[in-house]
């Protein structure tokens, strides 16, 4: 149902560090998700080493067990998005 109305193609979804309540919400929402899409979803819990089965270490952010240094605010600025950056205001 949901996937019939969202114009994207998903090869796989990996969910890492999901909160405890995510499982409860997912069990309710999953009845609206096709079996095919559910089969492409993988819940990794807190085991960061499992991410390496799906991506190389240099493509995984450091907070997920990889070595990729990622500055989301800097990326947004390259896209022209203006966001109040407290780090910039403090310096």
C-alpha atoms as a PDB file:
ATOM      1  CA  UNK A   1       0.000   0.000   0.000  1.00  0.00           C
ATOM      2  CA  UNK A   2       2.523   2.615   1.131  1.00  0.00           C
ATOM      3  CA  UNK A   3       5.130   1.621  -1.427  1.00  0.00           C
ATOM      4  CA  UNK A   4       2.563   1.940  -4.234  1.00  0.00           C
ATOM      5  CA  UNK A   5       2.295   5.656  -3.462  1.00  0.00           C
ATOM      6  CA  UNK A   6       5.968   6.519  -2.925  1.00  0.00           C
ATOM      7  CA  UNK A   7       7.998   6.877  -6.144  1.00  0.00           C
ATOM      8  CA  UNK A   8      11.278   5.293  -4.988  1.00  0.00           C
ATOM      9  CA  UNK A   9      13.062   2.003  -5.507  1.00  0.00           C
ATOM     10  CA  UNK A  10      14.663   0.450  -2.462  1.00  0.00           C
ATOM     11  CA  UNK A  11      17.403  -2.154  -2.719  1.00  0.00           C
ATOM     12  CA  UNK A  12      17.794  -2.396   1.038  1.00  0.00           C
ATOM     13  CA  UNK A  13      17.155  -0.568   4.276  1.00  0.00           C
ATOM     14  CA  UNK A  14      19.525  -1.065   7.220  1.00  0.00           C
ATOM     15  CA  UNK A  15      18.387   0.243  10.587  1.00  0.00           C
ATOM     16  CA  UNK A  16      21.067   0.617  13.258  1.00  0.00           C
ATOM     17  CA  UNK A  17      20.617   1.733  16.868  1.00  0.00           C
ATOM     18  CA  UNK A  18      16.837   1.679  16.660  1.00  0.00           C
ATOM     19  CA  UNK A  19      15.146   2.735  19.914  1.00  0.00           C
ATOM     20  CA  UNK A  20      13.135   0.208  21.917  1.00  0.00           C
ATOM     21  CA  UNK A  21       9.799   1.699  20.869  1.00  0.00           C
ATOM     22  CA  UNK A  22      10.658   1.356  17.172  1.00  0.00           C
ATOM     23  CA  UNK A  23       9.801  -2.350  17.236  1.00  0.00           C
ATOM     24  CA  UNK A  24       6.325  -1.627  18.571  1.00  0.00           C
ATOM     25  CA  UNK A  25       5.652   1.082  16.000  1.00  0.00           C
ATOM     26  CA  UNK A  26       7.084  -1.047  13.196  1.00  0.00           C
ATOM     27  CA  UNK A  27       4.857  -3.999  14.088  1.00  0.00           C
ATOM     28  CA  UNK A  28       1.806  -1.772  13.589  1.00  0.00           C
ATOM     29  CA  UNK A  29       3.053  -0.055  10.425  1.00  0.00           C
ATOM     30  CA  UNK A  30       4.395  -3.253   8.858  1.00  0.00           C
ATOM     31  CA  UNK A  31       0.906  -4.515   8.062  1.00  0.00           C
ATOM     32  CA  UNK A  32       0.800  -1.797   5.378  1.00  0.00           C
ATOM     33  CA  UNK A  33       4.185  -2.756   3.892  1.00  0.00           C
ATOM     34  CA  UNK A  34       4.529  -5.449   1.237  1.00  0.00           C
ATOM     35  CA  UNK A  35       6.337  -8.688   1.974  1.00  0.00           C
ATOM     36  CA  UNK A  36       8.895  -7.791  -0.697  1.00  0.00           C
ATOM     37  CA  UNK A  37       9.787  -4.478   0.978  1.00  0.00           C
ATOM     38  CA  UNK A  38       9.841  -6.066   4.451  1.00  0.00           C
ATOM     39  CA  UNK A  39      12.311  -8.655   3.157  1.00  0.00           C
ATOM     40  CA  UNK A  40      14.645  -5.800   2.173  1.00  0.00           C
ATOM     41  CA  UNK A  41      14.674  -4.317   5.676  1.00  0.00           C
ATOM     42  CA  UNK A  42      17.341  -5.382   8.164  1.00  0.00           C
ATOM     43  CA  UNK A  43      17.326  -4.384  11.825  1.00  0.00           C
ATOM     44  CA  UNK A  44      20.863  -4.410  13.180  1.00  0.00           C
ATOM     45  CA  UNK A  45      20.209  -3.422  16.788  1.00  0.00           C
ATOM     46  CA  UNK A  46      23.364  -2.009  18.351  1.00  0.00           C
ATOM     47  CA  UNK A  47      25.836  -4.295  16.563  1.00  0.00           C
ATOM     48  CA  UNK A  48      27.819  -1.835  14.443  1.00  0.00           C
ATOM     49  CA  UNK A  49      29.991  -4.605  12.989  1.00  0.00           C
ATOM     50  CA  UNK A  50      26.977  -5.934  11.061  1.00  0.00           C
ATOM     51  CA  UNK A  51      26.943  -2.721   9.002  1.00  0.00           C
ATOM     52  CA  UNK A  52      30.231  -3.853   7.439  1.00  0.00           C
ATOM     53  CA  UNK A  53      28.362  -6.697   5.755  1.00  0.00           C
ATOM     54  CA  UNK A  54      26.503  -4.097   3.675  1.00  0.00           C
ATOM     55  CA  UNK A  55      29.036  -1.265   3.200  1.00  0.00           C
ATOM     56  CA  UNK A  56      32.771  -0.730   3.434  1.00  0.00           C
ATOM     57  CA  UNK A  57      34.162   0.897   6.589  1.00  0.00           C
ATOM     58  CA  UNK A  58      35.116   4.067   4.722  1.00  0.00           C
ATOM     59  CA  UNK A  59      31.453   4.581   3.682  1.00  0.00           C
ATOM     60  CA  UNK A  60      30.019   4.154   7.184  1.00  0.00           C
ATOM     61  CA  UNK A  61      29.899   7.242   9.460  1.00  0.00           C
ATOM     62  CA  UNK A  62      32.069   7.150  12.577  1.00  0.00           C
ATOM     63  CA  UNK A  63      29.030   7.172  14.883  1.00  0.00           C
ATOM     64  CA  UNK A  64      27.908   3.931  13.208  1.00  0.00           C
ATOM     65  CA  UNK A  65      31.218   2.097  13.533  1.00  0.00           C
ATOM     66  CA  UNK A  66      32.916   3.259  10.345  1.00  0.00           C
ATOM     67  CA  UNK A  67      35.614   5.747   9.435  1.00  0.00           C
ATOM     68  CA  UNK A  68      33.641   8.300   7.390  1.00  0.00           C
ATOM     69  CA  UNK A  69      33.899  11.791   8.872  1.00  0.00           C
ATOM     70  CA  UNK A  70      30.594  13.466   8.066  1.00  0.00           C
ATOM     71  CA  UNK A  71      29.531  17.033   8.768  1.00  0.00           C
ATOM     72  CA  UNK A  72      25.843  17.241   7.955  1.00  0.00           C
ATOM     73  CA  UNK A  73      25.667  21.005   8.511  1.00  0.00           C
ATOM     74  CA  UNK A  74      28.516  21.605   6.049  1.00  0.00           C
ATOM     75  CA  UNK A  75      26.742  19.433   3.482  1.00  0.00           C
ATOM     76  CA  UNK A  76      23.506  21.380   3.945  1.00  0.00           C
ATOM     77  CA  UNK A  77      25.371  24.650   3.411  1.00  0.00           C
ATOM     78  CA  UNK A  78      26.690  23.362   0.062  1.00  0.00           C
ATOM     79  CA  UNK A  79      23.053  22.855  -0.884  1.00  0.00           C
ATOM     80  CA  UNK A  80      22.136  26.422   0.031  1.00  0.00           C
ATOM     81  CA  UNK A  81      20.209  25.509   3.164  1.00  0.00           C
ATOM     82  CA  UNK A  82      20.516  28.105   5.908  1.00  0.00           C
ATOM     83  CA  UNK A  83      20.382  26.611   9.381  1.00  0.00           C
ATOM     84  CA  UNK A  84      21.279  28.304  12.647  1.00  0.00           C
ATOM     85  CA  UNK A  85      24.608  26.715  13.506  1.00  0.00           C
ATOM     86  CA  UNK A  86      25.362  27.125  17.221  1.00  0.00           C
ATOM     87  CA  UNK A  87      28.943  25.984  16.615  1.00  0.00           C
ATOM     88  CA  UNK A  88      29.479  28.891  14.220  1.00  0.00           C
ATOM     89  CA  UNK A  89      27.841  31.345  16.626  1.00  0.00           C
ATOM     90  CA  UNK A  90      30.061  30.260  19.525  1.00  0.00           C
ATOM     91  CA  UNK A  91      33.331  30.877  17.672  1.00  0.00           C
END
